[in-house]
């Protein structure tokens, strides 16, 4: 089934907590959504939920580190809805370890999932936007790439690469009508994030955050929604902190 919907978004990592919240938010704002995830069942569950609400969505199974899989996902999305007008790069791999415990294989896996996969997804989906002269790309970075966060060496470094990528592509793609921005969440209350925090650590983290709580996935999703809006056409190369004022406090 094809449609002439003009607002079409692909969300990588769309089967996860933040990805699902983002996919639902985009659907509510009139986008046809491609929910892309390496976990096909998770992607399908989110797409079905959106469809049940009477909105268009499709599940796309692909690992962002596998270029051929991404290309197949793009072909499937375009056959259903047409070329993407927005890409939200959320797919990644959280990781926590002391520097001395960081082995080469783990380093490569974390960098591949968080940086290389983001590069490849952008290469695959940005081409159509640049050809059409319009697009919105949102990268998912982290405050761990901005503020020192103990145990987040590999993850923070990889996401630092995402921030650099955002700046470079914002300049390179601007003349093609495509904006590139990044969202930098602080601590988000997802199962994966909470699993590495003890009750005491969570309480201490919340004490440091000026607004006094962890972010919800929806807090992050709404920031993405701002950056993909038509009205955000003059916002380019921005690192949007969604951290409850953590960057002002200066301690992660």
C-alpha atoms as a PDB file:
ATOM      1  CA  UNK A   1       0.000   0.000   0.000  1.00  0.00           C
ATOM      2  CA  UNK A   2       1.486   3.369  -0.947  1.00  0.00           C
ATOM      3  CA  UNK A   3       0.419   6.774   0.266  1.00  0.00           C
ATOM      4  CA  UNK A   4       1.107  10.389  -0.651  1.00  0.00           C
ATOM      5  CA  UNK A   5       1.767  11.490   2.941  1.00  0.00           C
ATOM      6  CA  UNK A   6       4.381  14.243   2.761  1.00  0.00           C
ATOM      7  CA  UNK A   7       5.831  13.822   6.237  1.00  0.00           C
ATOM      8  CA  UNK A   8       7.719  10.552   6.473  1.00  0.00           C
ATOM      9  CA  UNK A   9      10.126   9.613   9.263  1.00  0.00           C
ATOM     10  CA  UNK A  10      12.393   6.680  10.007  1.00  0.00           C
ATOM     11  CA  UNK A  11      13.318   6.093  13.651  1.00  0.00           C
ATOM     12  CA  UNK A  12      16.270   3.780  14.225  1.00  0.00           C
ATOM     13  CA  UNK A  13      16.197   1.971  17.539  1.00  0.00           C
ATOM     14  CA  UNK A  14      12.436   2.417  17.295  1.00  0.00           C
ATOM     15  CA  UNK A  15      11.705  -0.695  19.323  1.00  0.00           C
ATOM     16  CA  UNK A  16      13.334   0.678  22.480  1.00  0.00           C
ATOM     17  CA  UNK A  17      11.832   2.957  25.106  1.00  0.00           C
ATOM     18  CA  UNK A  18      13.023   6.280  23.668  1.00  0.00           C
ATOM     19  CA  UNK A  19      12.585   5.100  20.086  1.00  0.00           C
ATOM     20  CA  UNK A  20       9.025   3.942  20.691  1.00  0.00           C
ATOM     21  CA  UNK A  21       8.105   7.204  22.428  1.00  0.00           C
ATOM     22  CA  UNK A  22       9.577   9.096  19.473  1.00  0.00           C
ATOM     23  CA  UNK A  23       7.778   6.972  16.888  1.00  0.00           C
ATOM     24  CA  UNK A  24       4.445   7.492  18.668  1.00  0.00           C
ATOM     25  CA  UNK A  25       5.055  11.236  18.958  1.00  0.00           C
ATOM     26  CA  UNK A  26       5.895  11.559  15.258  1.00  0.00           C
ATOM     27  CA  UNK A  27       2.805   9.581  14.294  1.00  0.00           C
ATOM     28  CA  UNK A  28       0.687  11.888  16.450  1.00  0.00           C
ATOM     29  CA  UNK A  29       2.208  14.830  14.569  1.00  0.00           C
ATOM     30  CA  UNK A  30       1.199  13.493  11.169  1.00  0.00           C
ATOM     31  CA  UNK A  31       4.264  11.539  10.093  1.00  0.00           C
ATOM     32  CA  UNK A  32       4.148   8.155   8.430  1.00  0.00           C
ATOM     33  CA  UNK A  33       6.689   6.285  10.534  1.00  0.00           C
ATOM     34  CA  UNK A  34       9.216   3.567   9.829  1.00  0.00           C
ATOM     35  CA  UNK A  35      10.028   1.846  13.126  1.00  0.00           C
ATOM     36  CA  UNK A  36      13.488   0.413  12.484  1.00  0.00           C
ATOM     37  CA  UNK A  37      15.107  -1.940  14.963  1.00  0.00           C
ATOM     38  CA  UNK A  38      17.358  -4.996  14.935  1.00  0.00           C
ATOM     39  CA  UNK A  39      14.664  -6.633  17.079  1.00  0.00           C
ATOM     40  CA  UNK A  40      11.930  -7.193  14.524  1.00  0.00           C
ATOM     41  CA  UNK A  41       9.354  -8.216  17.120  1.00  0.00           C
ATOM     42  CA  UNK A  42       9.896  -5.008  19.105  1.00  0.00           C
ATOM     43  CA  UNK A  43       9.629  -2.890  15.957  1.00  0.00           C
ATOM     44  CA  UNK A  44       6.483  -4.717  14.922  1.00  0.00           C
ATOM     45  CA  UNK A  45       4.867  -4.183  18.316  1.00  0.00           C
ATOM     46  CA  UNK A  46       5.419  -0.416  18.126  1.00  0.00           C
ATOM     47  CA  UNK A  47       4.219  -0.196  14.527  1.00  0.00           C
ATOM     48  CA  UNK A  48       1.091  -2.209  15.354  1.00  0.00           C
ATOM     49  CA  UNK A  49       0.338   0.074  18.291  1.00  0.00           C
ATOM     50  CA  UNK A  50       0.568   3.117  16.017  1.00  0.00           C
ATOM     51  CA  UNK A  51      -1.572   1.420  13.359  1.00  0.00           C
ATOM     52  CA  UNK A  52      -4.181   0.559  15.996  1.00  0.00           C
ATOM     53  CA  UNK A  53      -4.530   4.295  16.608  1.00  0.00           C
ATOM     54  CA  UNK A  54      -5.365   4.820  12.944  1.00  0.00           C
ATOM     55  CA  UNK A  55      -1.955   6.180  11.964  1.00  0.00           C
ATOM     56  CA  UNK A  56       0.447   4.866   9.300  1.00  0.00           C
ATOM     57  CA  UNK A  57       3.563   2.997  10.419  1.00  0.00           C
ATOM     58  CA  UNK A  58       5.661   0.083   9.255  1.00  0.00           C
ATOM     59  CA  UNK A  59       8.161  -2.123  11.068  1.00  0.00           C
ATOM     60  CA  UNK A  60      11.630  -2.355   9.530  1.00  0.00           C
ATOM     61  CA  UNK A  61      14.082  -4.989  10.727  1.00  0.00           C
ATOM     62  CA  UNK A  62      17.718  -3.948  10.333  1.00  0.00           C
ATOM     63  CA  UNK A  63      20.916  -3.608  12.291  1.00  0.00           C
ATOM     64  CA  UNK A  64      22.424  -0.189  11.666  1.00  0.00           C
ATOM     65  CA  UNK A  65      25.934  -1.655  11.519  1.00  0.00           C
ATOM     66  CA  UNK A  66      24.861  -3.757   8.503  1.00  0.00           C
ATOM     67  CA  UNK A  67      24.712  -1.545   5.416  1.00  0.00           C
ATOM     68  CA  UNK A  68      22.889  -4.083   3.246  1.00  0.00           C
ATOM     69  CA  UNK A  69      20.146  -4.435   5.849  1.00  0.00           C
ATOM     70  CA  UNK A  70      19.708  -0.657   5.988  1.00  0.00           C
ATOM     71  CA  UNK A  71      19.437  -0.457   2.225  1.00  0.00           C
ATOM     72  CA  UNK A  72      16.743  -3.134   2.238  1.00  0.00           C
ATOM     73  CA  UNK A  73      14.902  -1.236   4.992  1.00  0.00           C
ATOM     74  CA  UNK A  74      15.043   1.950   2.940  1.00  0.00           C
ATOM     75  CA  UNK A  75      13.609   0.159  -0.096  1.00  0.00           C
ATOM     76  CA  UNK A  76      10.805  -1.307   2.024  1.00  0.00           C
ATOM     77  CA  UNK A  77       9.973   2.056   3.577  1.00  0.00           C
ATOM     78  CA  UNK A  78       9.964   3.873   0.228  1.00  0.00           C
ATOM     79  CA  UNK A  79       7.754   1.221  -1.349  1.00  0.00           C
ATOM     80  CA  UNK A  80       5.215   1.806   1.420  1.00  0.00           C
ATOM     81  CA  UNK A  81       5.377   5.562   1.951  1.00  0.00           C
ATOM     82  CA  UNK A  82       7.955   7.177  -0.345  1.00  0.00           C
ATOM     83  CA  UNK A  83      11.361   8.673   0.553  1.00  0.00           C
ATOM     84  CA  UNK A  84      11.927   9.666   4.172  1.00  0.00           C
ATOM     85  CA  UNK A  85      11.781  13.374   4.967  1.00  0.00           C
ATOM     86  CA  UNK A  86      13.120  12.858   8.504  1.00  0.00           C
ATOM     87  CA  UNK A  87      15.577  10.485  10.150  1.00  0.00           C
ATOM     88  CA  UNK A  88      15.968  10.063  13.894  1.00  0.00           C
ATOM     89  CA  UNK A  89      19.112   8.117  14.826  1.00  0.00           C
ATOM     90  CA  UNK A  90      18.390   6.522  18.203  1.00  0.00           C
ATOM     91  CA  UNK A  91      19.839   3.025  17.752  1.00  0.00           C
ATOM     92  CA  UNK A  92      22.803   2.456  20.018  1.00  0.00           C
ATOM     93  CA  UNK A  93      24.351   0.346  22.736  1.00  0.00           C
ATOM     94  CA  UNK A  94      24.581   1.621  26.333  1.00  0.00           C
ATOM     95  CA  UNK A  95      27.720   0.486  28.097  1.00  0.00           C
ATOM     96  CA  UNK A  96      29.257   0.994  31.510  1.00  0.00           C
ATOM     97  CA  UNK A  97      32.711  -0.151  32.564  1.00  0.00           C
ATOM     98  CA  UNK A  98      35.848   1.164  34.185  1.00  0.00           C
ATOM     99  CA  UNK A  99      38.591   2.150  31.766  1.00  0.00           C
ATOM    100  CA  UNK A 100      40.884  -0.635  32.946  1.00  0.00           C
ATOM    101  CA  UNK A 101      38.167  -3.177  32.172  1.00  0.00           C
ATOM    102  CA  UNK A 102      37.599  -1.924  28.617  1.00  0.00           C
ATOM    103  CA  UNK A 103      38.882  -4.595  26.225  1.00  0.00           C
ATOM    104  CA  UNK A 104      39.387  -3.977  22.473  1.00  0.00           C
ATOM    105  CA  UNK A 105      36.433  -6.105  21.388  1.00  0.00           C
ATOM    106  CA  UNK A 106      34.043  -4.224  23.656  1.00  0.00           C
ATOM    107  CA  UNK A 107      35.401  -0.878  22.490  1.00  0.00           C
ATOM    108  CA  UNK A 108      34.850  -1.819  18.850  1.00  0.00           C
ATOM    109  CA  UNK A 109      31.340  -3.094  19.547  1.00  0.00           C
ATOM    110  CA  UNK A 110      30.284   0.061  21.416  1.00  0.00           C
ATOM    111  CA  UNK A 111      31.762   2.412  18.818  1.00  0.00           C
ATOM    112  CA  UNK A 112      30.215   0.412  15.974  1.00  0.00           C
ATOM    113  CA  UNK A 113      26.748   0.440  17.527  1.00  0.00           C
ATOM    114  CA  UNK A 114      26.741   4.099  18.556  1.00  0.00           C
ATOM    115  CA  UNK A 115      28.830   5.851  15.908  1.00  0.00           C
ATOM    116  CA  UNK A 116      29.358   3.670  12.841  1.00  0.00           C
ATOM    117  CA  UNK A 117      25.710   2.640  12.766  1.00  0.00           C
ATOM    118  CA  UNK A 118      24.641   6.271  12.977  1.00  0.00           C
ATOM    119  CA  UNK A 119      26.931   7.180  10.083  1.00  0.00           C
ATOM    120  CA  UNK A 120      25.602   4.355   7.933  1.00  0.00           C
ATOM    121  CA  UNK A 121      21.920   5.037   8.639  1.00  0.00           C
ATOM    122  CA  UNK A 122      22.494   8.673   7.763  1.00  0.00           C
ATOM    123  CA  UNK A 123      24.254   7.773   4.525  1.00  0.00           C
ATOM    124  CA  UNK A 124      21.383   5.522   3.497  1.00  0.00           C
ATOM    125  CA  UNK A 125      18.446   7.794   4.336  1.00  0.00           C
ATOM    126  CA  UNK A 126      19.927  11.281   3.861  1.00  0.00           C
ATOM    127  CA  UNK A 127      20.573  10.748   0.141  1.00  0.00           C
ATOM    128  CA  UNK A 128      16.871  10.994  -0.694  1.00  0.00           C
ATOM    129  CA  UNK A 129      16.414  14.092   1.449  1.00  0.00           C
ATOM    130  CA  UNK A 130      19.305  15.897  -0.204  1.00  0.00           C
ATOM    131  CA  UNK A 131      18.018  14.997  -3.653  1.00  0.00           C
ATOM    132  CA  UNK A 132      14.574  16.340  -2.740  1.00  0.00           C
ATOM    133  CA  UNK A 133      16.000  19.516  -1.186  1.00  0.00           C
ATOM    134  CA  UNK A 134      14.357  18.988   2.205  1.00  0.00           C
ATOM    135  CA  UNK A 135      15.004  16.948   5.310  1.00  0.00           C
ATOM    136  CA  UNK A 136      15.399  16.799   9.065  1.00  0.00           C
ATOM    137  CA  UNK A 137      18.023  14.609  10.719  1.00  0.00           C
ATOM    138  CA  UNK A 138      18.217  14.249  14.486  1.00  0.00           C
ATOM    139  CA  UNK A 139      21.099  12.441  16.154  1.00  0.00           C
ATOM    140  CA  UNK A 140      20.869  10.961  19.636  1.00  0.00           C
ATOM    141  CA  UNK A 141      23.942  11.931  21.663  1.00  0.00           C
ATOM    142  CA  UNK A 142      24.256  12.005  25.458  1.00  0.00           C
ATOM    143  CA  UNK A 143      25.384  14.242  28.280  1.00  0.00           C
ATOM    144  CA  UNK A 144      28.059  11.597  28.916  1.00  0.00           C
ATOM    145  CA  UNK A 145      29.778  13.041  25.840  1.00  0.00           C
ATOM    146  CA  UNK A 146      29.643  16.541  27.321  1.00  0.00           C
ATOM    147  CA  UNK A 147      30.224  15.987  31.056  1.00  0.00           C
ATOM    148  CA  UNK A 148      32.504  13.380  32.588  1.00  0.00           C
ATOM    149  CA  UNK A 149      30.414  10.406  33.690  1.00  0.00           C
ATOM    150  CA  UNK A 150      32.264   7.692  35.570  1.00  0.00           C
ATOM    151  CA  UNK A 151      32.246   4.348  33.786  1.00  0.00           C
ATOM    152  CA  UNK A 152      30.943   5.737  30.481  1.00  0.00           C
ATOM    153  CA  UNK A 153      34.288   5.870  28.664  1.00  0.00           C
ATOM    154  CA  UNK A 154      33.435   3.975  25.474  1.00  0.00           C
ATOM    155  CA  UNK A 155      29.825   5.140  25.303  1.00  0.00           C
ATOM    156  CA  UNK A 156      30.696   8.777  25.927  1.00  0.00           C
ATOM    157  CA  UNK A 157      33.537   8.705  23.404  1.00  0.00           C
ATOM    158  CA  UNK A 158      31.358   7.160  20.707  1.00  0.00           C
ATOM    159  CA  UNK A 159      28.596   9.682  21.332  1.00  0.00           C
ATOM    160  CA  UNK A 160      31.217  12.456  21.268  1.00  0.00           C
ATOM    161  CA  UNK A 161      31.832  11.286  17.732  1.00  0.00           C
ATOM    162  CA  UNK A 162      28.108  11.654  17.052  1.00  0.00           C
ATOM    163  CA  UNK A 163      28.262  15.262  18.247  1.00  0.00           C
ATOM    164  CA  UNK A 164      31.184  15.964  15.910  1.00  0.00           C
ATOM    165  CA  UNK A 165      29.324  14.227  13.086  1.00  0.00           C
ATOM    166  CA  UNK A 166      26.293  16.422  13.741  1.00  0.00           C
ATOM    167  CA  UNK A 167      28.337  19.608  13.442  1.00  0.00           C
ATOM    168  CA  UNK A 168      30.055  18.506  10.256  1.00  0.00           C
ATOM    169  CA  UNK A 169      26.900  17.329   8.504  1.00  0.00           C
ATOM    170  CA  UNK A 170      24.953  20.421   9.584  1.00  0.00           C
ATOM    171  CA  UNK A 171      27.370  22.445   7.475  1.00  0.00           C
ATOM    172  CA  UNK A 172      27.638  19.959   4.624  1.00  0.00           C
ATOM    173  CA  UNK A 173      23.898  19.338   4.203  1.00  0.00           C
ATOM    174  CA  UNK A 174      22.593  22.869   4.824  1.00  0.00           C
ATOM    175  CA  UNK A 175      22.731  23.968   1.186  1.00  0.00           C
ATOM    176  CA  UNK A 176      20.636  20.933   0.302  1.00  0.00           C
ATOM    177  CA  UNK A 177      17.797  22.007   2.585  1.00  0.00           C
ATOM    178  CA  UNK A 178      18.575  19.362   5.206  1.00  0.00           C
ATOM    179  CA  UNK A 179      19.133  20.335   8.848  1.00  0.00           C
ATOM    180  CA  UNK A 180      21.126  18.161  11.242  1.00  0.00           C
ATOM    181  CA  UNK A 181      20.786  18.529  14.998  1.00  0.00           C
ATOM    182  CA  UNK A 182      21.424  16.417  18.075  1.00  0.00           C
ATOM    183  CA  UNK A 183      19.570  15.726  21.297  1.00  0.00           C
ATOM    184  CA  UNK A 184      21.777  15.193  24.357  1.00  0.00           C
ATOM    185  CA  UNK A 185      19.760  13.474  27.091  1.00  0.00           C
ATOM    186  CA  UNK A 186      20.970  13.255  30.649  1.00  0.00           C
ATOM    187  CA  UNK A 187      19.799  10.333  32.776  1.00  0.00           C
ATOM    188  CA  UNK A 188      16.647   8.801  31.283  1.00  0.00           C
ATOM    189  CA  UNK A 189      14.418   6.433  33.237  1.00  0.00           C
ATOM    190  CA  UNK A 190      14.583   3.476  30.845  1.00  0.00           C
ATOM    191  CA  UNK A 191      14.967  -0.142  32.008  1.00  0.00           C
ATOM    192  CA  UNK A 192      18.498  -0.314  30.565  1.00  0.00           C
ATOM    193  CA  UNK A 193      19.608   2.852  32.350  1.00  0.00           C
ATOM    194  CA  UNK A 194      17.969   1.961  35.648  1.00  0.00           C
ATOM    195  CA  UNK A 195      19.521  -1.507  35.581  1.00  0.00           C
ATOM    196  CA  UNK A 196      23.001  -0.064  36.116  1.00  0.00           C
ATOM    197  CA  UNK A 197      21.949   2.251  38.962  1.00  0.00           C
ATOM    198  CA  UNK A 198      21.447   1.167  42.549  1.00  0.00           C
ATOM    199  CA  UNK A 199      18.666   2.813  44.523  1.00  0.00           C
ATOM    200  CA  UNK A 200      21.262   4.979  46.242  1.00  0.00           C
ATOM    201  CA  UNK A 201      22.880   5.961  42.934  1.00  0.00           C
ATOM    202  CA  UNK A 202      19.537   6.938  41.446  1.00  0.00           C
ATOM    203  CA  UNK A 203      18.704   9.062  44.479  1.00  0.00           C
ATOM    204  CA  UNK A 204      22.099  10.768  44.255  1.00  0.00           C
ATOM    205  CA  UNK A 205      21.658  11.382  40.519  1.00  0.00           C
ATOM    206  CA  UNK A 206      18.234  12.915  41.057  1.00  0.00           C
ATOM    207  CA  UNK A 207      19.673  15.101  43.813  1.00  0.00           C
ATOM    208  CA  UNK A 208      22.223  16.531  41.374  1.00  0.00           C
ATOM    209  CA  UNK A 209      19.656  17.289  38.652  1.00  0.00           C
ATOM    210  CA  UNK A 210      18.176  20.765  39.238  1.00  0.00           C
ATOM    211  CA  UNK A 211      14.612  19.698  38.325  1.00  0.00           C
ATOM    212  CA  UNK A 212      14.933  16.772  40.745  1.00  0.00           C
ATOM    213  CA  UNK A 213      14.035  13.814  38.548  1.00  0.00           C
ATOM    214  CA  UNK A 214      15.260  11.632  35.713  1.00  0.00           C
ATOM    215  CA  UNK A 215      13.976  12.304  32.210  1.00  0.00           C
ATOM    216  CA  UNK A 216      11.179  10.223  30.760  1.00  0.00           C
ATOM    217  CA  UNK A 217      11.427   8.810  27.214  1.00  0.00           C
ATOM    218  CA  UNK A 218       8.679  11.251  26.275  1.00  0.00           C
ATOM    219  CA  UNK A 219      10.814  14.203  27.423  1.00  0.00           C
ATOM    220  CA  UNK A 220      13.413  13.151  24.856  1.00  0.00           C
ATOM    221  CA  UNK A 221      10.799  12.473  22.178  1.00  0.00           C
ATOM    222  CA  UNK A 222       9.328  15.959  22.466  1.00  0.00           C
ATOM    223  CA  UNK A 223      12.768  17.479  21.930  1.00  0.00           C
ATOM    224  CA  UNK A 224      13.036  15.452  18.728  1.00  0.00           C
ATOM    225  CA  UNK A 225       9.600  16.681  17.715  1.00  0.00           C
ATOM    226  CA  UNK A 226      10.762  20.272  18.043  1.00  0.00           C
ATOM    227  CA  UNK A 227      13.781  19.671  15.834  1.00  0.00           C
ATOM    228  CA  UNK A 228      11.891  17.887  13.036  1.00  0.00           C
ATOM    229  CA  UNK A 229       9.139  20.503  12.841  1.00  0.00           C
ATOM    230  CA  UNK A 230       8.794  22.600   9.704  1.00  0.00           C
ATOM    231  CA  UNK A 231       9.119  25.671  11.911  1.00  0.00           C
ATOM    232  CA  UNK A 232      12.639  24.605  12.949  1.00  0.00           C
ATOM    233  CA  UNK A 233      14.130  25.214   9.515  1.00  0.00           C
ATOM    234  CA  UNK A 234      16.624  27.797  10.831  1.00  0.00           C
ATOM    235  CA  UNK A 235      17.891  25.588  13.645  1.00  0.00           C
ATOM    236  CA  UNK A 236      20.927  23.677  12.430  1.00  0.00           C
ATOM    237  CA  UNK A 237      23.908  22.117  14.194  1.00  0.00           C
ATOM    238  CA  UNK A 238      22.270  22.452  17.622  1.00  0.00           C
ATOM    239  CA  UNK A 239      23.121  20.242  20.597  1.00  0.00           C
ATOM    240  CA  UNK A 240      19.840  20.331  22.529  1.00  0.00           C
ATOM    241  CA  UNK A 241      20.360  19.351  26.153  1.00  0.00           C
ATOM    242  CA  UNK A 242      17.465  17.394  27.661  1.00  0.00           C
ATOM    243  CA  UNK A 243      18.961  17.027  31.094  1.00  0.00           C
ATOM    244  CA  UNK A 244      16.874  18.934  33.619  1.00  0.00           C
ATOM    245  CA  UNK A 245      19.613  21.558  33.959  1.00  0.00           C
ATOM    246  CA  UNK A 246      22.418  19.053  34.568  1.00  0.00           C
ATOM    247  CA  UNK A 247      24.798  20.940  32.266  1.00  0.00           C
ATOM    248  CA  UNK A 248      24.291  24.073  34.362  1.00  0.00           C
ATOM    249  CA  UNK A 249      25.065  22.189  37.569  1.00  0.00           C
ATOM    250  CA  UNK A 250      28.165  20.845  35.814  1.00  0.00           C
ATOM    251  CA  UNK A 251      28.337  17.454  37.560  1.00  0.00           C
ATOM    252  CA  UNK A 252      26.994  14.241  36.065  1.00  0.00           C
END
